[in-house]
Amino acid sequence: MKIKYLIVAVLLIAGVSSCKVLSNKAYNALVAERDSLSTRTTSLEAQVAQLQADTARIHRAIADLKGQYNALNDNYAQANKKLDKTNSRVSELSSDLQKREARLKEVEDILKRRDEATNALKAKLQQALLGFQQSGLTVDIRNGKVYVSLADKLLFPSGSINIDDKGKAALKQLALVLNKEPDINIAVEGHTDTKKVINLGQIKDNWDLSVLRATSVTRYLTETENVDPKRLTATGKGQFQPIDPGTTPDALAKNRRIEIVLTPKLDELYNLITK
């Protein structure tokens, strides 16, 4: 509206300043021009209002977009932080996994060498004790250990803890192999059947009999055959670890035995596990 009034004022001033009396025609022309200018002014004012409204709307849209951008930026930064933490954790786990795989490989290699050594020891013992295998001697592997099982009749007279000559001959051949294998630990186990011990003097029961027979074998190996006593352990198992749970004479005979358990030293493996 200000533009309209300005135009009218200009026209009036121009008319007055000319100091002329306008004709009807000239006057009508001026009025027509004024109306035209008024119409244009109204249109321009409408356009200005529309542009102002559009500008305000665009400003709001820009503000909204900036807000969304900032929110996305914050989310992106947080996601980056999480990604960095995840990558760091993945890197740690990968490094730990590589170390564990390396240790596992070392353990597997040691166990493989142990199994190879155990099989080689079994073969040597079987060869050295071949002549006694018909008399109740067996050599086998259980749980990574070599078991030399000697029937009681091969080592002792009935009800005795004193080793006879045949038993000494078998132990002598065994000691020849053991003295060449210093990295083998030796456990001597005495086993009996379920029959109760009767009238054996100082021997009160099957526990006593199994222990004393085990110590007799241990003493012979160390004192006569010079096996290092630090390598040996003597134990009595009584009747509680039978080979055959039956009660036939054959089953009872199998259970009366001395078992010499040979275990490769696993210091290397122990040190690796306890790191």
C-alpha atoms as a PDB file:
ATOM      1  CA  MET A   1       0.000   0.000   0.000  1.00  0.00           C
ATOM      2  CA  LYS A   2       2.883   2.397   0.662  1.00  0.00           C
ATOM      3  CA  ILE A   3       3.954   2.077  -2.963  1.00  0.00           C
ATOM      4  CA  LYS A   4       0.408   2.975  -4.126  1.00  0.00           C
ATOM      5  CA  TYR A   5       0.269   6.142  -2.038  1.00  0.00           C
ATOM      6  CA  LEU A   6       3.719   7.177  -3.190  1.00  0.00           C
ATOM      7  CA  ILE A   7       2.716   6.915  -6.827  1.00  0.00           C
ATOM      8  CA  VAL A   8      -0.441   8.970  -6.257  1.00  0.00           C
ATOM      9  CA  ALA A   9       1.573  11.626  -4.407  1.00  0.00           C
ATOM     10  CA  VAL A  10       4.056  11.831  -7.247  1.00  0.00           C
ATOM     11  CA  LEU A  11       1.267  12.284  -9.775  1.00  0.00           C
ATOM     12  CA  LEU A  12      -0.382  15.003  -7.721  1.00  0.00           C
ATOM     13  CA  ILE A  13       2.855  16.893  -7.288  1.00  0.00           C
ATOM     14  CA  ALA A  14       3.531  16.615 -10.979  1.00  0.00           C
ATOM     15  CA  GLY A  15       0.074  17.941 -11.735  1.00  0.00           C
ATOM     16  CA  VAL A  16       0.379  20.839  -9.359  1.00  0.00           C
ATOM     17  CA  SER A  17       3.887  21.725 -10.425  1.00  0.00           C
ATOM     18  CA  SER A  18       2.840  21.919 -14.051  1.00  0.00           C
ATOM     19  CA  CYS A  19       0.427  24.675 -13.078  1.00  0.00           C
ATOM     20  CA  LYS A  20      -1.806  23.588 -15.905  1.00  0.00           C
ATOM     21  CA  VAL A  21      -5.481  22.775 -15.903  1.00  0.00           C
ATOM     22  CA  LEU A  22      -5.813  19.193 -17.072  1.00  0.00           C
ATOM     23  CA  SER A  23      -8.342  18.293 -19.689  1.00  0.00           C
ATOM     24  CA  ASN A  24     -10.792  15.488 -19.052  1.00  0.00           C
ATOM     25  CA  LYS A  25      -8.880  13.290 -21.430  1.00  0.00           C
ATOM     26  CA  ALA A  26      -5.586  13.924 -19.713  1.00  0.00           C
ATOM     27  CA  TYR A  27      -7.189  13.437 -16.344  1.00  0.00           C
ATOM     28  CA  ASN A  28      -8.769  10.153 -17.368  1.00  0.00           C
ATOM     29  CA  ALA A  29      -5.438   9.007 -18.763  1.00  0.00           C
ATOM     30  CA  LEU A  30      -3.775   9.781 -15.446  1.00  0.00           C
ATOM     31  CA  VAL A  31      -6.483   7.945 -13.521  1.00  0.00           C
ATOM     32  CA  ALA A  32      -6.153   4.964 -15.810  1.00  0.00           C
ATOM     33  CA  GLU A  33      -2.403   4.968 -15.356  1.00  0.00           C
ATOM     34  CA  ARG A  34      -2.875   5.250 -11.599  1.00  0.00           C
ATOM     35  CA  ASP A  35      -5.259   2.286 -11.572  1.00  0.00           C
ATOM     36  CA  SER A  36      -2.855   0.267 -13.679  1.00  0.00           C
ATOM     37  CA  LEU A  37      -0.007   1.082 -11.313  1.00  0.00           C
ATOM     38  CA  SER A  38      -2.240   0.217  -8.365  1.00  0.00           C
ATOM     39  CA  THR A  39      -3.082  -3.149  -9.898  1.00  0.00           C
ATOM     40  CA  ARG A  40       0.593  -3.861 -10.569  1.00  0.00           C
ATOM     41  CA  THR A  41       1.461  -2.754  -7.045  1.00  0.00           C
ATOM     42  CA  THR A  42      -1.125  -5.131  -5.574  1.00  0.00           C
ATOM     43  CA  SER A  43       0.298  -7.964  -7.672  1.00  0.00           C
ATOM     44  CA  LEU A  44       3.840  -7.118  -6.594  1.00  0.00           C
ATOM     45  CA  GLU A  45       2.806  -6.967  -2.960  1.00  0.00           C
ATOM     46  CA  ALA A  46       1.181 -10.407  -3.308  1.00  0.00           C
ATOM     47  CA  GLN A  47       4.352 -11.740  -4.886  1.00  0.00           C
ATOM     48  CA  VAL A  48       6.455 -10.199  -2.090  1.00  0.00           C
ATOM     49  CA  ALA A  49       4.187 -11.811   0.529  1.00  0.00           C
ATOM     50  CA  GLN A  50       4.459 -15.149  -1.282  1.00  0.00           C
ATOM     51  CA  LEU A  51       8.232 -14.805  -1.518  1.00  0.00           C
ATOM     52  CA  GLN A  52       8.430 -13.939   2.177  1.00  0.00           C
ATOM     53  CA  ALA A  53       6.306 -16.993   3.024  1.00  0.00           C
ATOM     54  CA  ASP A  54       8.452 -19.180   0.759  1.00  0.00           C
ATOM     55  CA  THR A  55      11.608 -17.747   2.321  1.00  0.00           C
ATOM     56  CA  ALA A  56      10.330 -18.515   5.828  1.00  0.00           C
ATOM     57  CA  ARG A  57       9.350 -22.025   4.752  1.00  0.00           C
ATOM     58  CA  ILE A  58      12.769 -22.606   3.154  1.00  0.00           C
ATOM     59  CA  HIS A  59      14.481 -21.319   6.315  1.00  0.00           C
ATOM     60  CA  ARG A  60      12.443 -23.792   8.362  1.00  0.00           C
ATOM     61  CA  ALA A  61      13.299 -26.593   5.930  1.00  0.00           C
ATOM     62  CA  ILE A  62      16.982 -25.654   6.090  1.00  0.00           C
ATOM     63  CA  ALA A  63      16.843 -25.613   9.899  1.00  0.00           C
ATOM     64  CA  ASP A  64      15.159 -29.058   9.864  1.00  0.00           C
ATOM     65  CA  LEU A  65      17.749 -30.407   7.442  1.00  0.00           C
ATOM     66  CA  LYS A  66      20.556 -28.965   9.563  1.00  0.00           C
ATOM     67  CA  GLY A  67      19.050 -30.676  12.596  1.00  0.00           C
ATOM     68  CA  GLN A  68      18.815 -33.964  10.692  1.00  0.00           C
ATOM     69  CA  TYR A  69      22.360 -33.507   9.408  1.00  0.00           C
ATOM     70  CA  ASN A  70      23.671 -32.845  12.916  1.00  0.00           C
ATOM     71  CA  ALA A  71      21.778 -35.865  14.265  1.00  0.00           C
ATOM     72  CA  LEU A  72      23.162 -38.036  11.460  1.00  0.00           C
ATOM     73  CA  ASN A  73      26.616 -36.633  12.139  1.00  0.00           C
ATOM     74  CA  ASP A  74      26.298 -37.542  15.826  1.00  0.00           C
ATOM     75  CA  ASN A  75      25.044 -41.022  14.924  1.00  0.00           C
ATOM     76  CA  TYR A  76      27.888 -41.422  12.460  1.00  0.00           C
ATOM     77  CA  ALA A  77      30.431 -40.363  15.103  1.00  0.00           C
ATOM     78  CA  GLN A  78      28.945 -42.808  17.611  1.00  0.00           C
ATOM     79  CA  ALA A  79      28.862 -45.554  14.993  1.00  0.00           C
ATOM     80  CA  ASN A  80      32.499 -44.814  14.193  1.00  0.00           C
ATOM     81  CA  LYS A  81      33.408 -45.093  17.862  1.00  0.00           C
ATOM     82  CA  LYS A  82      31.565 -48.408  18.130  1.00  0.00           C
ATOM     83  CA  LEU A  83      33.224 -49.589  14.940  1.00  0.00           C
ATOM     84  CA  ASP A  84      36.642 -48.621  16.300  1.00  0.00           C
ATOM     85  CA  LYS A  85      35.940 -50.531  19.531  1.00  0.00           C
ATOM     86  CA  THR A  86      34.667 -53.512  17.549  1.00  0.00           C
ATOM     87  CA  ASN A  87      37.717 -53.475  15.289  1.00  0.00           C
ATOM     88  CA  SER A  88      39.986 -53.244  18.329  1.00  0.00           C
ATOM     89  CA  ARG A  89      38.195 -56.179  19.980  1.00  0.00           C
ATOM     90  CA  VAL A  90      38.345 -58.212  16.781  1.00  0.00           C
ATOM     91  CA  SER A  91      42.068 -57.476  16.547  1.00  0.00           C
ATOM     92  CA  GLU A  92      42.592 -58.577  20.170  1.00  0.00           C
ATOM     93  CA  LEU A  93      40.588 -61.758  19.636  1.00  0.00           C
ATOM     94  CA  SER A  94      42.453 -62.514  16.413  1.00  0.00           C
ATOM     95  CA  SER A  95      45.787 -62.065  18.168  1.00  0.00           C
ATOM     96  CA  ASP A  96      44.636 -64.252  21.075  1.00  0.00           C
ATOM     97  CA  LEU A  97      43.370 -66.891  18.649  1.00  0.00           C
ATOM     98  CA  GLN A  98      46.708 -66.954  16.841  1.00  0.00           C
ATOM     99  CA  LYS A  99      48.533 -67.416  20.149  1.00  0.00           C
ATOM    100  CA  ARG A 100      46.169 -70.212  21.185  1.00  0.00           C
ATOM    101  CA  GLU A 101      46.545 -71.919  17.822  1.00  0.00           C
ATOM    102  CA  ALA A 102      50.321 -71.678  18.145  1.00  0.00           C
ATOM    103  CA  ARG A 103      50.186 -73.220  21.645  1.00  0.00           C
ATOM    104  CA  LEU A 104      47.807 -75.907  20.428  1.00  0.00           C
ATOM    105  CA  LYS A 105      50.223 -76.734  17.612  1.00  0.00           C
ATOM    106  CA  GLU A 106      53.084 -76.974  20.147  1.00  0.00           C
ATOM    107  CA  VAL A 107      51.022 -79.277  22.383  1.00  0.00           C
ATOM    108  CA  GLU A 108      50.015 -81.433  19.414  1.00  0.00           C
ATOM    109  CA  ASP A 109      53.639 -81.682  18.312  1.00  0.00           C
ATOM    110  CA  ILE A 110      54.760 -82.692  21.822  1.00  0.00           C
ATOM    111  CA  LEU A 111      51.975 -85.274  22.112  1.00  0.00           C
ATOM    112  CA  LYS A 112      52.845 -86.599  18.680  1.00  0.00           C
ATOM    113  CA  ARG A 113      56.487 -86.998  19.751  1.00  0.00           C
ATOM    114  CA  ARG A 114      55.282 -88.648  22.963  1.00  0.00           C
ATOM    115  CA  ASP A 115      53.163 -91.125  21.011  1.00  0.00           C
ATOM    116  CA  GLU A 116      56.049 -91.863  18.669  1.00  0.00           C
ATOM    117  CA  ALA A 117      58.366 -92.410  21.643  1.00  0.00           C
ATOM    118  CA  THR A 118      55.753 -94.610  23.356  1.00  0.00           C
ATOM    119  CA  ASN A 119      55.301 -96.787  20.276  1.00  0.00           C
ATOM    120  CA  ALA A 120      59.057 -97.080  19.827  1.00  0.00           C
ATOM    121  CA  LEU A 121      59.451 -98.071  23.513  1.00  0.00           C
ATOM    122  CA  LYS A 122      56.732-100.684  23.197  1.00  0.00           C
ATOM    123  CA  ALA A 123      58.478-102.188  20.171  1.00  0.00           C
ATOM    124  CA  LYS A 124      61.823-102.327  22.044  1.00  0.00           C
ATOM    125  CA  LEU A 125      60.245-103.981  25.068  1.00  0.00           C
ATOM    126  CA  GLN A 126      58.364-106.517  23.005  1.00  0.00           C
ATOM    127  CA  GLN A 127      61.609-107.434  21.278  1.00  0.00           C
ATOM    128  CA  ALA A 128      63.603-107.596  24.523  1.00  0.00           C
ATOM    129  CA  LEU A 129      60.966-109.618  26.397  1.00  0.00           C
ATOM    130  CA  LEU A 130      59.906-111.841  23.522  1.00  0.00           C
ATOM    131  CA  GLY A 131      61.043-114.996  25.333  1.00  0.00           C
ATOM    132  CA  PHE A 132      58.759-114.327  28.309  1.00  0.00           C
ATOM    133  CA  GLN A 133      55.516-113.631  26.508  1.00  0.00           C
ATOM    134  CA  GLN A 134      54.473-117.286  26.703  1.00  0.00           C
ATOM    135  CA  SER A 135      54.899-117.144  30.487  1.00  0.00           C
ATOM    136  CA  GLY A 136      52.329-114.446  31.171  1.00  0.00           C
ATOM    137  CA  LEU A 137      54.081-111.239  30.086  1.00  0.00           C
ATOM    138  CA  THR A 138      52.317-108.690  27.908  1.00  0.00           C
ATOM    139  CA  VAL A 139      53.230-105.256  26.575  1.00  0.00           C
ATOM    140  CA  ASP A 140      50.543-102.812  25.478  1.00  0.00           C
ATOM    141  CA  ILE A 141      49.743 -99.086  25.338  1.00  0.00           C
ATOM    142  CA  ARG A 142      46.950 -97.454  27.324  1.00  0.00           C
ATOM    143  CA  ASN A 143      46.296 -93.710  27.583  1.00  0.00           C
ATOM    144  CA  GLY A 144      49.693 -92.815  26.151  1.00  0.00           C
ATOM    145  CA  LYS A 145      51.570 -95.108  28.578  1.00  0.00           C
ATOM    146  CA  VAL A 146      53.318 -98.445  28.066  1.00  0.00           C
ATOM    147  CA  TYR A 147      52.138-101.210  30.400  1.00  0.00           C
ATOM    148  CA  VAL A 148      54.385-104.221  30.980  1.00  0.00           C
ATOM    149  CA  SER A 149      52.188-106.731  32.767  1.00  0.00           C
ATOM    150  CA  LEU A 150      53.887-109.718  34.418  1.00  0.00           C
ATOM    151  CA  ALA A 151      51.766-112.547  35.828  1.00  0.00           C
ATOM    152  CA  ASP A 152      52.597-113.378  39.440  1.00  0.00           C
ATOM    153  CA  LYS A 153      53.638-116.914  38.452  1.00  0.00           C
ATOM    154  CA  LEU A 154      56.389-115.380  36.283  1.00  0.00           C
ATOM    155  CA  LEU A 155      57.888-113.476  39.222  1.00  0.00           C
ATOM    156  CA  PHE A 156      56.970-115.111  42.524  1.00  0.00           C
ATOM    157  CA  PRO A 157      56.395-118.530  44.040  1.00  0.00           C
ATOM    158  CA  SER A 158      52.830-118.921  45.320  1.00  0.00           C
ATOM    159  CA  GLY A 159      52.112-116.607  48.249  1.00  0.00           C
ATOM    160  CA  SER A 160      55.661-115.231  48.264  1.00  0.00           C
ATOM    161  CA  ILE A 161      57.130-111.777  47.874  1.00  0.00           C
ATOM    162  CA  ASN A 162      60.577-113.078  46.841  1.00  0.00           C
ATOM    163  CA  ILE A 163      61.344-112.935  43.118  1.00  0.00           C
ATOM    164  CA  ASP A 164      62.387-116.273  41.613  1.00  0.00           C
ATOM    165  CA  ASP A 165      65.087-116.828  38.991  1.00  0.00           C
ATOM    166  CA  LYS A 166      62.702-116.712  36.038  1.00  0.00           C
ATOM    167  CA  GLY A 167      61.299-113.421  37.286  1.00  0.00           C
ATOM    168  CA  LYS A 168      64.768-111.978  37.753  1.00  0.00           C
ATOM    169  CA  ALA A 169      65.667-112.931  34.175  1.00  0.00           C
ATOM    170  CA  ALA A 170      62.590-111.083  32.858  1.00  0.00           C
ATOM    171  CA  LEU A 171      63.314-108.009  34.995  1.00  0.00           C
ATOM    172  CA  LYS A 172      66.942-108.038  33.860  1.00  0.00           C
ATOM    173  CA  GLN A 173      65.869-107.806  30.211  1.00  0.00           C
ATOM    174  CA  LEU A 174      63.405-105.069  31.129  1.00  0.00           C
ATOM    175  CA  ALA A 175      66.116-103.106  32.976  1.00  0.00           C
ATOM    176  CA  LEU A 176      68.398-103.239  29.929  1.00  0.00           C
ATOM    177  CA  VAL A 177      65.801-101.273  27.983  1.00  0.00           C
ATOM    178  CA  LEU A 178      64.927 -98.919  30.856  1.00  0.00           C
ATOM    179  CA  ASN A 179      68.560 -97.947  31.471  1.00  0.00           C
ATOM    180  CA  LYS A 180      68.804 -96.865  27.837  1.00  0.00           C
ATOM    181  CA  GLU A 181      65.680 -94.729  28.140  1.00  0.00           C
ATOM    182  CA  PRO A 182      66.432 -92.225  30.946  1.00  0.00           C
ATOM    183  CA  ASP A 183      63.464 -89.990  30.059  1.00  0.00           C
ATOM    184  CA  ILE A 184      60.940 -92.648  31.076  1.00  0.00           C
ATOM    185  CA  ASN A 185      59.217 -92.555  34.472  1.00  0.00           C
ATOM    186  CA  ILE A 186      58.472 -95.950  35.996  1.00  0.00           C
ATOM    187  CA  ALA A 187      55.603 -96.960  38.278  1.00  0.00           C
ATOM    188  CA  VAL A 188      55.545-100.486  39.692  1.00  0.00           C
ATOM    189  CA  GLU A 189      52.021-101.561  40.652  1.00  0.00           C
ATOM    190  CA  GLY A 190      51.153-104.711  42.605  1.00  0.00           C
ATOM    191  CA  HIS A 191      47.753-106.348  41.981  1.00  0.00           C
ATOM    192  CA  THR A 192      46.075-109.360  43.595  1.00  0.00           C
ATOM    193  CA  ASP A 193      42.925-111.406  43.092  1.00  0.00           C
ATOM    194  CA  THR A 194      39.969-111.292  45.491  1.00  0.00           C
ATOM    195  CA  LYS A 195      40.971-114.331  47.564  1.00  0.00           C
ATOM    196  CA  LYS A 196      41.877-113.454  51.122  1.00  0.00           C
ATOM    197  CA  VAL A 197      45.458-113.935  52.230  1.00  0.00           C
ATOM    198  CA  ILE A 198      45.759-116.722  54.812  1.00  0.00           C
ATOM    199  CA  ASN A 199      48.747-117.681  56.965  1.00  0.00           C
ATOM    200  CA  LEU A 200      51.391-115.536  55.282  1.00  0.00           C
ATOM    201  CA  GLY A 201      53.051-114.310  58.438  1.00  0.00           C
ATOM    202  CA  GLN A 202      53.789-110.588  58.194  1.00  0.00           C
ATOM    203  CA  ILE A 203      51.449-110.231  55.231  1.00  0.00           C
ATOM    204  CA  LYS A 204      48.051-109.392  56.674  1.00  0.00           C
ATOM    205  CA  ASP A 205      45.910-108.931  53.583  1.00  0.00           C
ATOM    206  CA  ASN A 206      45.903-108.314  49.829  1.00  0.00           C
ATOM    207  CA  TRP A 207      46.969-104.685  50.337  1.00  0.00           C
ATOM    208  CA  ASP A 208      50.117-105.867  52.072  1.00  0.00           C
ATOM    209  CA  LEU A 209      50.787-108.528  49.458  1.00  0.00           C
ATOM    210  CA  SER A 210      50.370-106.104  46.523  1.00  0.00           C
ATOM    211  CA  VAL A 211      52.557-103.421  48.138  1.00  0.00           C
ATOM    212  CA  LEU A 212      55.338-105.803  49.202  1.00  0.00           C
ATOM    213  CA  ARG A 213      55.511-107.452  45.777  1.00  0.00           C
ATOM    214  CA  ALA A 214      55.707-104.016  44.130  1.00  0.00           C
ATOM    215  CA  THR A 215      58.539-102.956  46.460  1.00  0.00           C
ATOM    216  CA  SER A 216      60.358-106.263  45.829  1.00  0.00           C
ATOM    217  CA  VAL A 217      60.359-105.568  42.094  1.00  0.00           C
ATOM    218  CA  THR A 218      61.363-101.954  42.659  1.00  0.00           C
ATOM    219  CA  ARG A 219      64.197-102.958  44.976  1.00  0.00           C
ATOM    220  CA  TYR A 220      65.491-105.530  42.476  1.00  0.00           C
ATOM    221  CA  LEU A 221      65.455-103.042  39.597  1.00  0.00           C
ATOM    222  CA  THR A 222      67.272-100.347  41.596  1.00  0.00           C
ATOM    223  CA  GLU A 223      69.668-102.404  43.722  1.00  0.00           C
ATOM    224  CA  THR A 224      70.552-105.192  41.305  1.00  0.00           C
ATOM    225  CA  GLU A 225      69.943-103.727  37.854  1.00  0.00           C
ATOM    226  CA  ASN A 226      70.974-100.142  38.743  1.00  0.00           C
ATOM    227  CA  VAL A 227      67.840 -98.402  37.504  1.00  0.00           C
ATOM    228  CA  ASP A 228      67.845 -94.866  38.918  1.00  0.00           C
ATOM    229  CA  PRO A 229      65.555 -95.000  42.002  1.00  0.00           C
ATOM    230  CA  LYS A 230      64.455 -91.402  41.380  1.00  0.00           C
ATOM    231  CA  ARG A 231      62.578 -92.662  38.358  1.00  0.00           C
ATOM    232  CA  LEU A 232      60.559 -95.308  40.222  1.00  0.00           C
ATOM    233  CA  THR A 233      57.385 -95.346  42.280  1.00  0.00           C
ATOM    234  CA  ALA A 234      56.035 -98.482  43.990  1.00  0.00           C
ATOM    235  CA  THR A 235      52.316 -98.823  44.772  1.00  0.00           C
ATOM    236  CA  GLY A 236      49.929-101.566  45.861  1.00  0.00           C
ATOM    237  CA  LYS A 237      46.467-101.727  44.317  1.00  0.00           C
ATOM    238  CA  GLY A 238      45.227-104.832  46.118  1.00  0.00           C
ATOM    239  CA  GLN A 239      42.311-106.548  44.386  1.00  0.00           C
ATOM    240  CA  PHE A 240      40.600-103.309  43.385  1.00  0.00           C
ATOM    241  CA  GLN A 241      41.740-102.914  39.762  1.00  0.00           C
ATOM    242  CA  PRO A 242      41.070-106.323  38.187  1.00  0.00           C
ATOM    243  CA  ILE A 243      41.653-107.029  34.520  1.00  0.00           C
ATOM    244  CA  ASP A 244      38.912-109.683  34.533  1.00  0.00           C
ATOM    245  CA  PRO A 245      35.955-109.285  36.922  1.00  0.00           C
ATOM    246  CA  GLY A 246      35.176-113.002  36.721  1.00  0.00           C
ATOM    247  CA  THR A 247      35.752-115.578  39.458  1.00  0.00           C
ATOM    248  CA  THR A 248      37.092-118.440  37.348  1.00  0.00           C
ATOM    249  CA  PRO A 249      40.640-119.670  38.022  1.00  0.00           C
ATOM    250  CA  ASP A 250      41.748-118.121  34.718  1.00  0.00           C
ATOM    251  CA  ALA A 251      40.226-114.725  35.626  1.00  0.00           C
ATOM    252  CA  LEU A 252      41.826-114.788  39.079  1.00  0.00           C
ATOM    253  CA  ALA A 253      45.210-115.652  37.541  1.00  0.00           C
ATOM    254  CA  LYS A 254      44.992-112.668  35.183  1.00  0.00           C
ATOM    255  CA  ASN A 255      44.346-110.328  38.109  1.00  0.00           C
ATOM    256  CA  ARG A 256      47.390-111.517  40.111  1.00  0.00           C
ATOM    257  CA  ARG A 257      50.082-109.487  38.430  1.00  0.00           C
ATOM    258  CA  ILE A 258      52.752-106.821  38.569  1.00  0.00           C
ATOM    259  CA  GLU A 259      52.221-103.949  36.144  1.00  0.00           C
ATOM    260  CA  ILE A 260      55.183-101.752  35.280  1.00  0.00           C
ATOM    261  CA  VAL A 261      53.797 -98.520  33.883  1.00  0.00           C
ATOM    262  CA  LEU A 262      56.194 -96.518  31.735  1.00  0.00           C
ATOM    263  CA  THR A 263      55.441 -92.859  31.045  1.00  0.00           C
ATOM    264  CA  PRO A 264      57.558 -90.544  28.875  1.00  0.00           C
ATOM    265  CA  LYS A 265      58.522 -87.425  30.826  1.00  0.00           C
ATOM    266  CA  LEU A 266      56.320 -84.534  29.756  1.00  0.00           C
ATOM    267  CA  ASP A 267      58.218 -81.633  31.347  1.00  0.00           C
ATOM    268  CA  GLU A 268      58.141 -79.820  28.030  1.00  0.00           C
ATOM    269  CA  LEU A 269      54.365 -80.191  27.826  1.00  0.00           C
ATOM    270  CA  TYR A 270      53.867 -79.232  31.485  1.00  0.00           C
ATOM    271  CA  ASN A 271      55.981 -76.106  31.067  1.00  0.00           C
ATOM    272  CA  LEU A 272      54.003 -75.146  27.983  1.00  0.00           C
ATOM    273  CA  ILE A 273      50.619 -75.615  29.693  1.00  0.00           C
ATOM    274  CA  THR A 274      51.623 -73.648  32.814  1.00  0.00           C
ATOM    275  CA  LYS A 275      52.975 -70.631  30.923  1.00  0.00           C
END
